[in-house]
Amino acid sequence: MEILFQDKNIAVCLKPAGVISQSTDGGNDMISLLNGEFEKNGENAKAYPVHRLDRETAGIMVYAKNSKSAAALSKQAEQNIIKKHYYAVLRGVPDERSGVLKDFLFRDKQKNKTFAVKKMRKGVREASLEYNVIEEKDDFALLDILLHTGRTHQIRVQFASRKMPLYGDGKYGGGSGKLALFAHTLEFEHPVSGEKMIFSAKPDKNEYPWNEFDF
């Protein structure tokens, strides 16, 4: 874990793949890691989650350091003020270079899996994202994605349902390997000052399949 920015109200950090973002997991989770850093620095602060990333997904996240900031950031998340941009590598190439995908998604908590379904019913929620193809190589495509909604496994399911699963997404047909999904840019308003804040990072270009693309 790397802290990119912090003050007395927020901490912006880079979550590694394989680490839980919201709940505690015996120390291998972002809450425990951040609280450990705060304590080490002599801060009387506690990490409050306001959005999430899947365990397998790496990238930028913001955490509040007090309850007031947590409430303000959570409200931004609900109002879609927090903008999350991702890089993803697909096993397949979209027909259109850019577009908007809209689906109805059903979350099966017992199976820990999300499914694209044809119509609205109990437990189904609308999902939307927009994408741009940055580069193609062989039968792979590197995409830049902006989420409009934040459903569980949303990016993974929306593309897998179109027979273009993310590389390394064994749960949704993308085969073995490390999941090629990275939250590269995060935009939000500072919960106290209201200042617009933008943070960006890139995945490890030494890792496959990121090293196959020039971006």
C-alpha atoms as a PDB file:
ATOM      1  CA  MET A   1       0.000   0.000   0.000  1.00  0.00           C
ATOM      2  CA  GLU A   2       1.197   3.523  -0.852  1.00  0.00           C
ATOM      3  CA  ILE A   3      -0.305   6.740   0.521  1.00  0.00           C
ATOM      4  CA  LEU A   4      -0.391   9.331  -2.277  1.00  0.00           C
ATOM      5  CA  PHE A   5      -1.808  12.210  -0.230  1.00  0.00           C
ATOM      6  CA  GLN A   6      -3.184  12.822   3.233  1.00  0.00           C
ATOM      7  CA  ASP A   7      -4.217  15.590   5.575  1.00  0.00           C
ATOM      8  CA  LYS A   8      -6.208  15.498   8.806  1.00  0.00           C
ATOM      9  CA  ASN A   9      -9.428  14.665   6.957  1.00  0.00           C
ATOM     10  CA  ILE A  10      -8.607  12.226   4.130  1.00  0.00           C
ATOM     11  CA  ALA A  11      -6.039   9.725   2.919  1.00  0.00           C
ATOM     12  CA  VAL A  12      -5.668   8.900  -0.783  1.00  0.00           C
ATOM     13  CA  CYS A  13      -3.838   5.651  -1.381  1.00  0.00           C
ATOM     14  CA  LEU A  14      -2.932   2.974  -3.888  1.00  0.00           C
ATOM     15  CA  LYS A  15      -4.610  -0.311  -3.009  1.00  0.00           C
ATOM     16  CA  PRO A  16      -2.683  -3.419  -4.066  1.00  0.00           C
ATOM     17  CA  ALA A  17      -4.471  -6.339  -5.729  1.00  0.00           C
ATOM     18  CA  GLY A  18      -5.461  -9.056  -3.265  1.00  0.00           C
ATOM     19  CA  VAL A  19      -6.237  -6.670  -0.394  1.00  0.00           C
ATOM     20  CA  ILE A  20      -9.797  -6.092   0.877  1.00  0.00           C
ATOM     21  CA  SER A  21     -10.867  -2.459   0.575  1.00  0.00           C
ATOM     22  CA  GLN A  22     -13.698  -2.066   3.088  1.00  0.00           C
ATOM     23  CA  SER A  23     -13.926  -4.664   5.855  1.00  0.00           C
ATOM     24  CA  THR A  24     -11.181  -6.013   8.117  1.00  0.00           C
ATOM     25  CA  ASP A  25      -9.357  -9.234   7.256  1.00  0.00           C
ATOM     26  CA  GLY A  26      -6.950  -9.890  10.082  1.00  0.00           C
ATOM     27  CA  GLY A  27      -4.564  -7.183   8.963  1.00  0.00           C
ATOM     28  CA  ASN A  28      -4.516  -7.833   5.198  1.00  0.00           C
ATOM     29  CA  ASP A  29      -7.034  -5.089   4.453  1.00  0.00           C
ATOM     30  CA  MET A  30      -6.881  -1.383   3.743  1.00  0.00           C
ATOM     31  CA  ILE A  31      -8.556  -0.328   7.000  1.00  0.00           C
ATOM     32  CA  SER A  32      -5.988  -2.161   9.143  1.00  0.00           C
ATOM     33  CA  LEU A  33      -3.068  -1.001   6.990  1.00  0.00           C
ATOM     34  CA  LEU A  34      -4.110   2.643   7.100  1.00  0.00           C
ATOM     35  CA  ASN A  35      -4.874   2.595  10.822  1.00  0.00           C
ATOM     36  CA  GLY A  36      -1.412   1.126  11.372  1.00  0.00           C
ATOM     37  CA  GLU A  37       0.151   3.994   9.395  1.00  0.00           C
ATOM     38  CA  PHE A  38      -1.838   6.599  11.321  1.00  0.00           C
ATOM     39  CA  GLU A  39      -0.800   5.075  14.633  1.00  0.00           C
ATOM     40  CA  LYS A  40       2.831   4.892  13.549  1.00  0.00           C
ATOM     41  CA  ASN A  41       2.722   8.612  12.724  1.00  0.00           C
ATOM     42  CA  GLY A  42       1.188   9.425  16.100  1.00  0.00           C
ATOM     43  CA  GLU A  43      -2.192  10.397  14.648  1.00  0.00           C
ATOM     44  CA  ASN A  44      -5.428   9.950  16.543  1.00  0.00           C
ATOM     45  CA  ALA A  45      -7.295   9.008  13.369  1.00  0.00           C
ATOM     46  CA  LYS A  46      -9.267   6.073  12.010  1.00  0.00           C
ATOM     47  CA  ALA A  47      -9.848   5.060   8.389  1.00  0.00           C
ATOM     48  CA  TYR A  48     -13.458   5.214   7.200  1.00  0.00           C
ATOM     49  CA  PRO A  49     -14.321   3.562   3.844  1.00  0.00           C
ATOM     50  CA  VAL A  50     -16.548   5.588   1.492  1.00  0.00           C
ATOM     51  CA  HIS A  51     -16.280   3.513  -1.710  1.00  0.00           C
ATOM     52  CA  ARG A  52     -14.871   0.124  -2.633  1.00  0.00           C
ATOM     53  CA  LEU A  53     -12.725  -1.842  -5.036  1.00  0.00           C
ATOM     54  CA  ASP A  54     -12.930  -5.608  -5.536  1.00  0.00           C
ATOM     55  CA  ARG A  55     -10.265  -7.563  -3.697  1.00  0.00           C
ATOM     56  CA  GLU A  56      -8.594  -8.497  -7.022  1.00  0.00           C
ATOM     57  CA  THR A  57      -8.609  -4.901  -8.321  1.00  0.00           C
ATOM     58  CA  ALA A  58      -5.706  -2.529  -7.674  1.00  0.00           C
ATOM     59  CA  GLY A  59      -5.800   1.249  -7.858  1.00  0.00           C
ATOM     60  CA  ILE A  60      -6.556   4.583  -6.235  1.00  0.00           C
ATOM     61  CA  MET A  61      -8.962   4.951  -3.322  1.00  0.00           C
ATOM     62  CA  VAL A  62      -9.847   7.720  -0.870  1.00  0.00           C
ATOM     63  CA  TYR A  63     -10.574   7.096   2.812  1.00  0.00           C
ATOM     64  CA  ALA A  64     -11.935   9.542   5.370  1.00  0.00           C
ATOM     65  CA  LYS A  65     -10.046  10.020   8.622  1.00  0.00           C
ATOM     66  CA  ASN A  66     -13.021  11.137  10.723  1.00  0.00           C
ATOM     67  CA  SER A  67     -16.775  10.606  10.757  1.00  0.00           C
ATOM     68  CA  LYS A  68     -17.637  14.073   9.450  1.00  0.00           C
ATOM     69  CA  SER A  69     -15.450  13.668   6.373  1.00  0.00           C
ATOM     70  CA  ALA A  70     -16.803  10.135   5.906  1.00  0.00           C
ATOM     71  CA  ALA A  71     -20.377  11.433   5.795  1.00  0.00           C
ATOM     72  CA  ALA A  72     -19.460  14.133   3.267  1.00  0.00           C
ATOM     73  CA  LEU A  73     -17.582  11.732   0.979  1.00  0.00           C
ATOM     74  CA  SER A  74     -20.311   9.086   1.243  1.00  0.00           C
ATOM     75  CA  LYS A  75     -22.830  11.710   0.118  1.00  0.00           C
ATOM     76  CA  GLN A  76     -20.606  12.500  -2.873  1.00  0.00           C
ATOM     77  CA  ALA A  77     -20.496   8.798  -3.723  1.00  0.00           C
ATOM     78  CA  GLU A  78     -24.300   8.578  -3.586  1.00  0.00           C
ATOM     79  CA  GLN A  79     -24.644  11.660  -5.796  1.00  0.00           C
ATOM     80  CA  ASN A  80     -22.039  10.349  -8.275  1.00  0.00           C
ATOM     81  CA  ILE A  81     -19.729  13.295  -7.594  1.00  0.00           C
ATOM     82  CA  ILE A  82     -16.864  10.875  -7.015  1.00  0.00           C
ATOM     83  CA  LYS A  83     -15.641   9.836 -10.479  1.00  0.00           C
ATOM     84  CA  LYS A  84     -13.714   6.586 -10.938  1.00  0.00           C
ATOM     85  CA  HIS A  85     -11.735   5.812 -14.080  1.00  0.00           C
ATOM     86  CA  TYR A  86     -10.268   2.375 -14.819  1.00  0.00           C
ATOM     87  CA  TYR A  87      -7.908   0.656 -17.207  1.00  0.00           C
ATOM     88  CA  ALA A  88      -8.963  -2.838 -18.250  1.00  0.00           C
ATOM     89  CA  VAL A  89      -7.566  -5.412 -20.655  1.00  0.00           C
ATOM     90  CA  LEU A  90     -10.234  -7.453 -22.433  1.00  0.00           C
ATOM     91  CA  ARG A  91      -9.971 -10.861 -24.054  1.00  0.00           C
ATOM     92  CA  GLY A  92     -11.654  -9.545 -27.158  1.00  0.00           C
ATOM     93  CA  VAL A  93     -12.079  -6.245 -29.004  1.00  0.00           C
ATOM     94  CA  PRO A  94     -15.286  -4.161 -28.970  1.00  0.00           C
ATOM     95  CA  ASP A  95     -16.892  -3.480 -32.354  1.00  0.00           C
ATOM     96  CA  GLU A  96     -17.090   0.228 -31.517  1.00  0.00           C
ATOM     97  CA  ARG A  97     -14.031   2.243 -30.435  1.00  0.00           C
ATOM     98  CA  SER A  98     -16.103   3.986 -27.782  1.00  0.00           C
ATOM     99  CA  GLY A  99     -19.542   3.657 -26.320  1.00  0.00           C
ATOM    100  CA  VAL A 100     -21.853   3.365 -23.346  1.00  0.00           C
ATOM    101  CA  LEU A 101     -22.908  -0.002 -21.923  1.00  0.00           C
ATOM    102  CA  LYS A 102     -26.162  -0.312 -19.996  1.00  0.00           C
ATOM    103  CA  ASP A 103     -27.399  -3.475 -18.320  1.00  0.00           C
ATOM    104  CA  PHE A 104     -29.618  -4.878 -15.607  1.00  0.00           C
ATOM    105  CA  LEU A 105     -27.444  -6.666 -13.038  1.00  0.00           C
ATOM    106  CA  PHE A 106     -28.509  -9.188 -10.422  1.00  0.00           C
ATOM    107  CA  ARG A 107     -26.228  -9.864  -7.471  1.00  0.00           C
ATOM    108  CA  ASP A 108     -26.278 -13.425  -6.057  1.00  0.00           C
ATOM    109  CA  LYS A 109     -24.693 -12.981  -2.625  1.00  0.00           C
ATOM    110  CA  GLN A 110     -24.604 -16.724  -1.898  1.00  0.00           C
ATOM    111  CA  LYS A 111     -22.546 -17.392  -5.027  1.00  0.00           C
ATOM    112  CA  ASN A 112     -20.647 -14.084  -4.705  1.00  0.00           C
ATOM    113  CA  LYS A 113     -21.398 -13.485  -8.348  1.00  0.00           C
ATOM    114  CA  THR A 114     -23.227 -10.895 -10.453  1.00  0.00           C
ATOM    115  CA  PHE A 115     -25.294 -11.712 -13.531  1.00  0.00           C
ATOM    116  CA  ALA A 116     -26.580  -9.622 -16.450  1.00  0.00           C
ATOM    117  CA  VAL A 117     -30.330 -10.222 -16.816  1.00  0.00           C
ATOM    118  CA  LYS A 118     -32.886  -9.122 -19.380  1.00  0.00           C
ATOM    119  CA  LYS A 119     -35.383  -7.203 -17.249  1.00  0.00           C
ATOM    120  CA  MET A 120     -35.948  -5.462 -13.965  1.00  0.00           C
ATOM    121  CA  ARG A 121     -37.124  -7.561 -11.006  1.00  0.00           C
ATOM    122  CA  LYS A 122     -36.450  -7.825  -7.301  1.00  0.00           C
ATOM    123  CA  GLY A 123     -32.738  -7.568  -6.551  1.00  0.00           C
ATOM    124  CA  VAL A 124     -31.881  -6.199 -10.005  1.00  0.00           C
ATOM    125  CA  ARG A 125     -30.170  -2.821 -10.421  1.00  0.00           C
ATOM    126  CA  GLU A 126     -29.343  -0.738 -13.459  1.00  0.00           C
ATOM    127  CA  ALA A 127     -25.676  -0.439 -14.405  1.00  0.00           C
ATOM    128  CA  SER A 128     -23.979   1.962 -16.806  1.00  0.00           C
ATOM    129  CA  LEU A 129     -20.436   2.753 -17.907  1.00  0.00           C
ATOM    130  CA  GLU A 130     -18.661   4.423 -20.806  1.00  0.00           C
ATOM    131  CA  TYR A 131     -15.482   3.177 -22.452  1.00  0.00           C
ATOM    132  CA  ASN A 132     -12.829   4.129 -24.975  1.00  0.00           C
ATOM    133  CA  VAL A 133     -10.488   1.678 -26.676  1.00  0.00           C
ATOM    134  CA  ILE A 134      -6.925   2.943 -26.168  1.00  0.00           C
ATOM    135  CA  GLU A 135      -5.083   0.189 -28.020  1.00  0.00           C
ATOM    136  CA  GLU A 136      -5.594  -3.239 -29.585  1.00  0.00           C
ATOM    137  CA  LYS A 137      -3.073  -6.060 -29.723  1.00  0.00           C
ATOM    138  CA  ASP A 138      -3.842  -9.467 -31.223  1.00  0.00           C
ATOM    139  CA  ASP A 139      -7.180 -10.428 -29.651  1.00  0.00           C
ATOM    140  CA  PHE A 140      -6.779  -8.136 -26.647  1.00  0.00           C
ATOM    141  CA  ALA A 141      -7.935  -4.559 -26.090  1.00  0.00           C
ATOM    142  CA  LEU A 142      -6.840  -1.939 -23.547  1.00  0.00           C
ATOM    143  CA  LEU A 143      -9.774   0.217 -22.455  1.00  0.00           C
ATOM    144  CA  ASP A 144     -10.250   3.400 -20.456  1.00  0.00           C
ATOM    145  CA  ILE A 145     -13.526   3.115 -18.520  1.00  0.00           C
ATOM    146  CA  LEU A 146     -15.604   5.635 -16.576  1.00  0.00           C
ATOM    147  CA  LEU A 147     -18.209   4.183 -14.252  1.00  0.00           C
ATOM    148  CA  HIS A 148     -21.636   5.834 -14.110  1.00  0.00           C
ATOM    149  CA  THR A 149     -22.819   3.414 -11.422  1.00  0.00           C
ATOM    150  CA  GLY A 150     -20.909   1.367  -8.867  1.00  0.00           C
ATOM    151  CA  ARG A 151     -22.340  -2.145  -8.891  1.00  0.00           C
ATOM    152  CA  THR A 152     -20.404  -5.127  -7.547  1.00  0.00           C
ATOM    153  CA  HIS A 153     -18.192  -6.656 -10.282  1.00  0.00           C
ATOM    154  CA  GLN A 154     -19.881  -4.263 -12.731  1.00  0.00           C
ATOM    155  CA  ILE A 155     -17.073  -3.775 -15.260  1.00  0.00           C
ATOM    156  CA  ARG A 156     -16.203  -7.464 -15.189  1.00  0.00           C
ATOM    157  CA  VAL A 157     -19.799  -8.601 -15.768  1.00  0.00           C
ATOM    158  CA  GLN A 158     -20.786  -6.044 -18.387  1.00  0.00           C
ATOM    159  CA  PHE A 159     -17.913  -7.024 -20.672  1.00  0.00           C
ATOM    160  CA  ALA A 160     -18.026 -10.755 -19.886  1.00  0.00           C
ATOM    161  CA  SER A 161     -21.736 -10.806 -20.810  1.00  0.00           C
ATOM    162  CA  ARG A 162     -20.651  -9.538 -24.253  1.00  0.00           C
ATOM    163  CA  LYS A 163     -18.102 -12.365 -24.592  1.00  0.00           C
ATOM    164  CA  MET A 164     -15.161 -10.061 -23.824  1.00  0.00           C
ATOM    165  CA  PRO A 165     -14.111 -11.001 -20.274  1.00  0.00           C
ATOM    166  CA  LEU A 166     -11.271  -9.199 -18.541  1.00  0.00           C
ATOM    167  CA  TYR A 167      -7.891 -10.894 -18.677  1.00  0.00           C
ATOM    168  CA  GLY A 168      -7.304 -12.951 -15.520  1.00  0.00           C
ATOM    169  CA  ASP A 169     -10.946 -12.899 -14.421  1.00  0.00           C
ATOM    170  CA  GLY A 170     -11.462 -16.589 -13.738  1.00  0.00           C
ATOM    171  CA  LYS A 171     -14.836 -15.945 -12.086  1.00  0.00           C
ATOM    172  CA  TYR A 172     -16.299 -14.562 -15.325  1.00  0.00           C
ATOM    173  CA  GLY A 173     -14.446 -16.501 -18.006  1.00  0.00           C
ATOM    174  CA  GLY A 174     -11.231 -14.506 -18.360  1.00  0.00           C
ATOM    175  CA  GLY A 175      -8.859 -17.349 -17.530  1.00  0.00           C
ATOM    176  CA  SER A 176      -5.960 -17.478 -15.085  1.00  0.00           C
ATOM    177  CA  GLY A 177      -3.536 -14.711 -14.214  1.00  0.00           C
ATOM    178  CA  LYS A 178      -3.790 -11.466 -12.280  1.00  0.00           C
ATOM    179  CA  LEU A 179      -7.008  -9.546 -12.992  1.00  0.00           C
ATOM    180  CA  ALA A 180      -6.259  -6.774 -15.506  1.00  0.00           C
ATOM    181  CA  LEU A 181      -8.370  -4.056 -13.895  1.00  0.00           C
ATOM    182  CA  PHE A 182      -6.827  -0.924 -12.381  1.00  0.00           C
ATOM    183  CA  ALA A 183      -8.515   2.180 -10.927  1.00  0.00           C
ATOM    184  CA  HIS A 184      -6.221   4.800 -12.461  1.00  0.00           C
ATOM    185  CA  THR A 185      -7.901   8.151 -11.749  1.00  0.00           C
ATOM    186  CA  LEU A 186     -10.083   9.349  -8.893  1.00  0.00           C
ATOM    187  CA  GLU A 187     -11.907  12.693  -8.841  1.00  0.00           C
ATOM    188  CA  PHE A 188     -13.793  14.121  -5.873  1.00  0.00           C
ATOM    189  CA  GLU A 189     -14.332  17.273  -3.830  1.00  0.00           C
ATOM    190  CA  HIS A 190     -12.412  17.697  -0.600  1.00  0.00           C
ATOM    191  CA  PRO A 191     -14.956  17.022   2.190  1.00  0.00           C
ATOM    192  CA  VAL A 192     -13.985  20.172   4.125  1.00  0.00           C
ATOM    193  CA  SER A 193     -12.605  22.742   1.664  1.00  0.00           C
ATOM    194  CA  GLY A 194     -14.692  21.703  -1.340  1.00  0.00           C
ATOM    195  CA  GLU A 195     -11.586  21.863  -3.532  1.00  0.00           C
ATOM    196  CA  LYS A 196     -11.698  19.598  -6.593  1.00  0.00           C
ATOM    197  CA  MET A 197      -9.074  16.892  -6.232  1.00  0.00           C
ATOM    198  CA  ILE A 198      -7.782  14.573  -8.973  1.00  0.00           C
ATOM    199  CA  PHE A 199      -5.288  11.751  -8.456  1.00  0.00           C
ATOM    200  CA  SER A 200      -3.878   9.445 -11.134  1.00  0.00           C
ATOM    201  CA  ALA A 201      -1.584   6.417 -11.276  1.00  0.00           C
ATOM    202  CA  LYS A 202      -0.689   3.632 -13.702  1.00  0.00           C
ATOM    203  CA  PRO A 203      -0.470  -0.137 -13.263  1.00  0.00           C
ATOM    204  CA  ASP A 204       2.921  -1.844 -13.081  1.00  0.00           C
ATOM    205  CA  LYS A 205       4.187  -1.755 -16.671  1.00  0.00           C
ATOM    206  CA  ASN A 206       6.481  -4.687 -15.899  1.00  0.00           C
ATOM    207  CA  GLU A 207       3.469  -6.954 -15.373  1.00  0.00           C
ATOM    208  CA  TYR A 208       1.626  -8.881 -18.074  1.00  0.00           C
ATOM    209  CA  PRO A 209      -0.640  -7.910 -19.824  1.00  0.00           C
ATOM    210  CA  TRP A 210      -0.012  -4.207 -19.053  1.00  0.00           C
ATOM    211  CA  ASN A 211       3.488  -4.510 -20.540  1.00  0.00           C
ATOM    212  CA  GLU A 212       1.975  -5.406 -23.911  1.00  0.00           C
ATOM    213  CA  PHE A 213       0.557  -1.904 -24.365  1.00  0.00           C
ATOM    214  CA  ASP A 214       2.039   1.554 -24.830  1.00  0.00           C
ATOM    215  CA  PHE A 215       0.071   3.947 -22.617  1.00  0.00           C
END
